[in-house]
N, C-alpha and C. Protein backbone atom coordinates (compact mmCIF):
# COMPACT_ATOMS: atom_id res chain seq x y z
N MET A 1 -20.78 30.48 43.37
CA MET A 1 -21.34 31.73 44.27
C MET A 1 -19.57 32.09 45.31
N THR A 2 -18.80 30.94 45.09
CA THR A 2 -17.73 31.79 46.28
C THR A 2 -16.98 32.39 45.24
N ASN A 3 -17.01 31.89 43.92
CA ASN A 3 -16.02 32.48 42.76
C ASN A 3 -16.51 33.92 42.73
N CYS A 4 -17.44 33.82 42.86
CA CYS A 4 -18.18 35.50 42.55
C CYS A 4 -17.56 36.09 43.62
N LEU A 5 -17.86 35.65 44.75
CA LEU A 5 -17.82 36.33 46.19
C LEU A 5 -15.99 36.79 45.90
N PHE A 6 -15.06 35.69 45.65
CA PHE A 6 -13.74 36.08 45.50
C PHE A 6 -13.75 36.72 44.42
N ASP A 7 -14.06 37.08 43.51
CA ASP A 7 -13.87 38.14 43.09
C ASP A 7 -14.26 39.50 43.20
N LEU A 8 -15.17 39.23 43.39
CA LEU A 8 -15.72 41.01 44.02
C LEU A 8 -14.77 41.32 45.70
N PHE A 9 -14.11 40.71 46.42
CA PHE A 9 -13.60 40.53 47.05
C PHE A 9 -12.10 41.23 46.60
N MET A 10 -11.95 40.46 45.30
CA MET A 10 -10.20 41.22 44.68
C MET A 10 -10.49 42.45 44.29
N SER A 11 -11.63 42.69 43.39
CA SER A 11 -11.91 43.78 42.94
C SER A 11 -11.91 45.19 43.96
N LEU A 12 -12.31 44.72 45.70
CA LEU A 12 -12.55 45.69 46.07
C LEU A 12 -11.26 45.65 46.80
N VAL A 13 -10.29 44.88 46.82
CA VAL A 13 -8.55 45.08 47.02
C VAL A 13 -8.43 46.42 46.19
N LEU A 14 -8.16 45.73 44.96
CA LEU A 14 -7.39 46.43 43.71
C LEU A 14 -8.32 47.94 43.91
N LEU A 15 -9.35 48.52 44.12
CA LEU A 15 -9.93 49.51 44.43
C LEU A 15 -9.37 50.35 45.72
N ALA A 16 -9.17 49.63 46.50
CA ALA A 16 -8.50 50.51 48.13
C ALA A 16 -7.16 50.43 47.22
N ILE A 17 -6.60 49.60 46.70
CA ILE A 17 -5.22 49.94 46.26
C ILE A 17 -4.80 50.91 45.01
N VAL A 18 -6.06 51.10 44.53
CA VAL A 18 -5.77 52.69 43.74
C VAL A 18 -6.47 53.80 43.93
N LEU A 19 -7.10 53.75 44.95
CA LEU A 19 -7.46 55.01 45.69
C LEU A 19 -6.48 55.59 46.48
N ALA A 20 -5.31 54.43 46.95
CA ALA A 20 -4.37 54.54 48.04
C ALA A 20 -3.80 55.44 47.28
N ALA A 21 -2.97 54.70 45.61
CA ALA A 21 -2.29 55.20 44.88
C ALA A 21 -2.38 56.39 44.20
N CYS A 22 -3.74 56.84 44.20
CA CYS A 22 -3.83 57.91 43.36
C CYS A 22 -4.12 59.40 44.25
N ARG A 23 -4.52 59.19 46.00
CA ARG A 23 -3.89 60.37 46.69
C ARG A 23 -2.73 60.07 47.13
N LEU A 24 -2.16 59.20 47.24
CA LEU A 24 -0.54 59.56 47.37
C LEU A 24 0.31 59.99 45.99
N CYS A 25 -0.21 59.74 44.66
CA CYS A 25 0.15 60.43 43.84
C CYS A 25 -0.11 61.99 43.61
N ASN A 26 -1.28 62.26 44.01
CA ASN A 26 -1.89 64.16 44.15
C ASN A 26 -1.14 64.41 45.06
N TRP A 27 -0.68 63.50 46.12
CA TRP A 27 -0.14 64.79 47.26
C TRP A 27 1.24 65.21 46.82
N LEU A 28 1.61 63.83 46.39
CA LEU A 28 3.39 64.18 46.02
C LEU A 28 3.59 64.87 44.96
N VAL A 29 2.64 64.82 43.69
CA VAL A 29 2.65 65.82 42.59
C VAL A 29 1.46 66.78 43.14
N PRO A 30 1.97 68.22 43.24
CA PRO A 30 0.84 69.09 43.56
C PRO A 30 0.19 69.20 41.95
N ASN A 31 0.14 69.52 40.52
CA ASN A 31 -0.54 69.50 39.97
C ASN A 31 -1.07 68.53 39.22
N ALA A 32 -1.02 67.39 39.98
CA ALA A 32 -1.91 66.14 39.35
C ALA A 32 -2.46 65.71 39.96
N ALA A 33 -3.83 65.94 39.10
CA ALA A 33 -5.24 65.55 39.24
C ALA A 33 -6.25 64.33 39.24
N LEU A 34 -5.28 63.06 39.61
CA LEU A 34 -5.92 62.04 39.21
C LEU A 34 -7.30 61.61 40.07
N ASN A 35 -8.25 60.94 39.21
CA ASN A 35 -9.66 60.87 39.74
C ASN A 35 -9.97 59.45 39.61
N ALA A 36 -9.54 58.82 41.17
CA ALA A 36 -9.31 57.66 40.84
C ALA A 36 -10.28 56.57 40.95
N PRO A 37 -11.81 57.02 41.39
CA PRO A 37 -12.37 56.31 40.81
C PRO A 37 -12.91 56.38 39.44
N HIS A 38 -12.38 57.49 38.28
CA HIS A 38 -12.34 56.73 36.82
C HIS A 38 -10.98 55.88 36.52
N VAL A 39 -9.79 56.20 36.93
CA VAL A 39 -9.06 55.26 37.04
C VAL A 39 -9.27 54.00 36.70
N PHE A 40 -10.01 53.47 38.27
CA PHE A 40 -10.27 51.82 38.95
C PHE A 40 -11.74 51.68 37.81
N ALA A 41 -12.19 52.51 37.48
CA ALA A 41 -13.17 52.14 36.44
C ALA A 41 -12.22 51.86 34.72
N ALA A 42 -11.94 52.52 34.41
CA ALA A 42 -10.62 52.08 33.54
C ALA A 42 -10.35 50.99 33.27
N LEU A 43 -9.64 50.75 34.41
CA LEU A 43 -8.65 49.64 34.78
C LEU A 43 -9.88 48.18 35.04
N ALA A 44 -10.91 48.34 35.61
CA ALA A 44 -12.35 47.29 35.53
C ALA A 44 -12.49 47.06 34.02
N PHE A 45 -12.72 48.16 33.36
CA PHE A 45 -13.17 47.73 31.65
C PHE A 45 -12.00 47.01 31.16
N ALA A 46 -10.39 47.72 31.41
CA ALA A 46 -9.29 46.55 30.40
C ALA A 46 -9.21 45.39 31.01
N ALA A 47 -9.55 45.06 32.61
CA ALA A 47 -9.44 43.65 32.84
C ALA A 47 -10.89 42.67 32.31
N LEU A 48 -12.00 43.94 32.00
CA LEU A 48 -13.11 42.66 31.52
C LEU A 48 -13.17 42.06 30.29
N LEU A 49 -12.27 43.16 29.55
CA LEU A 49 -11.77 43.07 28.08
C LEU A 49 -10.87 41.56 27.90
N LEU A 50 -9.95 42.13 29.25
CA LEU A 50 -8.76 40.74 28.69
C LEU A 50 -9.41 39.23 29.26
N ASP A 51 -10.51 39.57 30.18
CA ASP A 51 -10.88 38.15 30.83
C ASP A 51 -12.08 37.83 30.08
N ALA A 52 -12.42 38.75 29.04
CA ALA A 52 -13.27 38.24 27.81
C ALA A 52 -12.28 37.22 26.67
N ALA A 53 -11.46 38.20 26.41
CA ALA A 53 -10.67 37.56 25.60
C ALA A 53 -9.78 36.17 25.71
N LEU A 54 -9.27 35.75 27.35
CA LEU A 54 -8.75 34.58 27.45
C LEU A 54 -10.21 33.71 27.84
N THR A 55 -11.37 34.14 28.20
CA THR A 55 -12.44 32.84 28.39
C THR A 55 -12.66 32.58 27.01
N PHE A 56 -13.58 33.53 25.80
CA PHE A 56 -13.30 32.70 24.49
C PHE A 56 -12.77 32.59 24.04
N LEU A 57 -11.58 32.95 24.05
CA LEU A 57 -10.64 32.47 23.09
C LEU A 57 -9.58 31.43 23.38
N VAL A 58 -8.75 31.65 24.04
CA VAL A 58 -7.93 31.05 25.19
C VAL A 58 -8.36 29.74 25.52
N PHE A 59 -9.37 29.76 26.40
CA PHE A 59 -9.88 28.91 27.12
C PHE A 59 -10.92 28.33 26.54
N ALA A 60 -11.40 28.50 25.75
CA ALA A 60 -12.19 27.61 24.92
C ALA A 60 -11.93 27.07 23.96
N ASP A 61 -10.48 26.99 23.73
CA ASP A 61 -10.29 26.03 23.04
C ASP A 61 -9.75 24.79 23.45
N ALA A 62 -9.31 25.03 25.13
CA ALA A 62 -8.90 23.81 25.69
C ALA A 62 -10.14 23.50 26.91
N GLN A 63 -11.24 22.91 26.71
CA GLN A 63 -12.29 22.59 26.90
C GLN A 63 -11.83 21.76 28.23
N ASN A 64 -11.22 20.52 27.82
CA ASN A 64 -11.26 19.74 29.03
C ASN A 64 -10.21 20.18 29.77
N ARG A 65 -9.14 20.75 29.64
CA ARG A 65 -8.21 21.44 30.58
C ARG A 65 -8.53 22.48 31.36
N TYR A 66 -9.44 23.83 30.83
CA TYR A 66 -9.70 25.20 31.64
C TYR A 66 -11.64 25.14 31.56
N GLY A 67 -12.10 23.83 31.61
CA GLY A 67 -13.42 23.73 31.52
C GLY A 67 -14.40 25.12 32.52
N ARG A 68 -13.99 24.52 33.57
CA ARG A 68 -14.90 25.48 34.32
C ARG A 68 -14.32 27.54 34.37
N PHE A 69 -13.02 27.74 33.89
CA PHE A 69 -12.62 29.16 34.29
C PHE A 69 -13.30 29.28 32.38
N SER A 70 -13.83 28.46 31.16
CA SER A 70 -14.27 28.78 30.18
C SER A 70 -15.51 29.15 30.01
N ALA A 71 -16.34 28.60 31.03
CA ALA A 71 -17.80 28.95 31.07
C ALA A 71 -18.05 29.94 30.54
N PRO A 72 -19.16 30.42 29.72
CA PRO A 72 -20.17 31.59 30.20
C PRO A 72 -20.24 32.05 31.35
N ALA A 73 -20.82 31.59 32.20
CA ALA A 73 -21.37 31.83 33.70
C ALA A 73 -21.14 32.21 34.44
N ALA A 74 -19.70 31.22 34.24
CA ALA A 74 -18.34 31.95 35.21
C ALA A 74 -18.10 33.44 34.62
N PHE A 75 -17.93 33.43 33.47
CA PHE A 75 -17.65 34.64 32.66
C PHE A 75 -18.76 35.87 33.27
N PHE A 76 -20.16 35.34 33.71
CA PHE A 76 -21.12 36.55 33.71
C PHE A 76 -20.96 36.94 34.86
N GLU A 77 -20.30 35.65 35.96
CA GLU A 77 -20.30 35.45 37.33
C GLU A 77 -18.80 37.35 37.79
N ARG A 78 -17.83 36.66 36.51
CA ARG A 78 -16.76 38.18 36.53
C ARG A 78 -17.03 39.27 36.25
N VAL A 79 -17.87 39.34 35.32
CA VAL A 79 -18.59 40.62 35.16
C VAL A 79 -19.13 41.47 35.87
N GLY A 80 -19.88 40.38 36.47
CA GLY A 80 -20.53 41.09 37.95
C GLY A 80 -19.89 41.52 38.80
N ALA A 81 -18.82 41.22 39.20
CA ALA A 81 -18.05 41.74 40.09
C ALA A 81 -17.27 42.78 39.57
N TYR A 82 -16.58 42.93 38.37
CA TYR A 82 -16.19 44.08 37.90
C TYR A 82 -17.12 45.36 37.76
N ALA A 83 -18.32 45.04 37.25
CA ALA A 83 -19.41 45.97 37.48
C ALA A 83 -20.04 46.48 38.37
N PHE A 84 -20.11 45.67 39.84
CA PHE A 84 -20.31 46.27 41.07
C PHE A 84 -19.36 47.12 41.78
N ALA A 85 -17.94 46.63 41.68
CA ALA A 85 -17.05 47.07 42.19
C ALA A 85 -17.18 48.89 41.37
N ALA A 86 -16.70 48.34 40.33
CA ALA A 86 -17.31 49.59 39.11
C ALA A 86 -18.28 50.76 39.90
N ALA A 87 -19.52 50.16 39.66
CA ALA A 87 -20.13 51.09 40.62
C ALA A 87 -19.79 51.88 42.10
N ILE A 88 -19.60 51.12 42.91
CA ILE A 88 -18.84 51.49 44.03
C ILE A 88 -18.25 52.25 44.05
N ALA A 89 -16.95 52.12 43.19
CA ALA A 89 -15.75 52.86 43.09
C ALA A 89 -16.62 54.77 42.67
N LEU A 90 -17.28 54.78 41.78
CA LEU A 90 -17.98 55.80 41.05
C LEU A 90 -19.10 56.29 42.17
N ALA A 91 -19.49 55.17 42.84
CA ALA A 91 -20.46 56.03 43.56
C ALA A 91 -19.67 56.51 45.02
N LEU A 92 -18.73 56.21 45.26
CA LEU A 92 -17.69 56.89 46.62
C LEU A 92 -16.73 58.48 45.97
N GLY A 93 -17.10 58.24 44.20
CA GLY A 93 -16.16 59.55 43.92
C GLY A 93 -17.38 60.63 43.88
N TYR A 94 -18.41 59.91 43.58
CA TYR A 94 -19.97 61.32 43.64
C TYR A 94 -20.02 61.79 45.08
N ALA A 95 -19.89 60.75 45.28
CA ALA A 95 -20.02 61.58 47.59
C ALA A 95 -19.25 62.10 48.10
N ALA A 96 -17.80 61.49 47.63
CA ALA A 96 -16.83 62.49 47.95
C ALA A 96 -16.57 64.09 47.41
N ARG A 97 -17.23 63.85 46.41
CA ARG A 97 -17.21 65.49 45.43
C ARG A 97 -18.10 66.13 45.68
N ARG A 98 -19.54 65.60 46.59
CA ARG A 98 -20.63 66.53 47.04
C ARG A 98 -20.03 66.64 48.09
N GLU A 99 -19.49 66.20 48.87
CA GLU A 99 -18.86 66.40 50.31
C GLU A 99 -18.09 67.46 50.22
N GLN A 100 -17.14 67.55 49.49
CA GLN A 100 -16.12 69.15 49.12
C GLN A 100 -16.55 70.17 48.85
N PRO A 101 -16.53 70.93 50.13
CA PRO A 101 -16.78 72.53 49.51
C PRO A 101 -16.95 73.27 48.05
N ALA A 102 -17.13 74.15 47.82
CA ALA A 102 -17.00 74.39 46.13
C ALA A 102 -16.16 75.75 46.34
N LYS A 103 -15.12 75.55 45.43
CA LYS A 103 -13.91 76.49 45.32
C LYS A 103 -14.80 77.59 45.06
N ALA A 104 -14.22 78.60 45.59
CA ALA A 104 -14.79 79.97 45.19
C ALA A 104 -13.66 80.69 44.20
N LYS A 105 -14.72 81.15 43.14
CA LYS A 105 -13.57 81.80 41.92
C LYS A 105 -13.76 83.43 42.18
N ALA A 106 -12.59 83.92 41.60
CA ALA A 106 -12.68 85.29 41.85
C ALA A 106 -14.01 86.00 41.08
N HIS A 107 -14.48 85.53 40.30
CA HIS A 107 -15.81 86.06 39.60
C HIS A 107 -16.96 85.72 40.59
N ASP A 108 -17.24 85.02 41.55
CA ASP A 108 -18.44 84.48 42.29
C ASP A 108 -17.97 85.58 43.93
N MET A 109 -17.02 86.80 44.42
CA MET A 109 -16.48 86.86 45.37
C MET A 109 -17.67 88.66 44.93
N LEU A 110 -17.87 89.02 46.22
CA LEU A 110 -18.55 90.58 45.68
C LEU A 110 -17.45 90.97 47.17
N ALA A 111 -16.58 92.25 46.92
CA ALA A 111 -16.10 92.58 47.59
C ALA A 111 -16.34 94.32 47.84
N MET A 112 -16.38 94.70 48.93
CA MET A 112 -16.72 95.84 49.27
C MET A 112 -15.89 97.09 49.79
N ARG A 113 -15.22 97.88 49.82
CA ARG A 113 -14.33 98.61 50.67
C ARG A 113 -15.36 99.89 51.25
N ILE A 114 -14.86 99.78 52.76
CA ILE A 114 -15.98 100.44 53.68
C ILE A 114 -14.51 101.62 54.08
N THR A 115 -14.84 103.07 54.22
CA THR A 115 -13.35 103.57 54.82
C THR A 115 -14.50 104.74 55.65
N ASP A 116 -13.39 104.49 56.45
CA ASP A 116 -13.99 105.80 57.55
C ASP A 116 -12.97 107.05 57.84
N ARG A 117 -14.03 107.36 57.99
CA ARG A 117 -12.94 108.93 58.31
C ARG A 117 -11.58 108.81 59.51
N ASN A 118 -11.81 108.22 60.04
CA ASN A 118 -10.64 108.68 60.97
C ASN A 118 -9.97 107.10 61.05
N GLY A 119 -10.07 106.27 60.32
CA GLY A 119 -9.47 104.90 60.87
C GLY A 119 -9.22 104.43 58.77
N PRO A 120 -8.38 103.18 59.14
CA PRO A 120 -8.08 102.86 58.06
C PRO A 120 -9.49 101.92 56.90
N CYS A 121 -9.02 101.34 56.02
CA CYS A 121 -9.73 100.55 54.81
C CYS A 121 -10.15 99.44 55.67
N VAL A 122 -12.10 99.36 55.84
CA VAL A 122 -12.27 98.19 56.20
C VAL A 122 -12.80 97.31 55.18
N CYS A 123 -12.30 96.43 54.89
CA CYS A 123 -12.50 95.00 53.40
C CYS A 123 -13.29 94.28 53.87
N ALA A 124 -14.47 93.91 53.31
CA ALA A 124 -15.53 93.08 53.26
C ALA A 124 -15.97 92.03 52.13
N SER A 125 -15.85 90.91 52.25
CA SER A 125 -15.80 90.41 51.33
C SER A 125 -16.92 88.93 51.54
N ARG A 126 -18.25 88.74 50.76
CA ARG A 126 -19.40 87.93 50.57
C ARG A 126 -18.89 86.90 49.16
N ARG A 127 -19.47 85.72 49.54
CA ARG A 127 -19.40 84.96 48.38
C ARG A 127 -21.34 84.60 48.24
N LEU A 128 -21.35 85.07 46.64
CA LEU A 128 -22.37 85.22 46.09
C LEU A 128 -23.14 83.65 45.73
């Protein structure tokens, strides 16, 4: 259980690092649109594949030396930590997207020009 909590903690630390790095990259490069939750989910999936290769191919050959790391139960604890951290990342990304105001497009706006005989043109616009 302690290993599972440690794996989850390290995954959440990695999530914080990826969020900060993507935010910094999006701030420094104006046209960059890195989606941090998707980047983290891809990193977690790559880590899961490498972890599976290590557990079942490398550590399985040396049971007497790496016995606790090569156990399938330990692998599935790590899989749970990866999946839980990726789910947290995607949920945070979804919540952040829902909180952002929708960007108005040109075809979503209604513009009216009202002219007054004695004064300049008054423009009014409203979002549809």
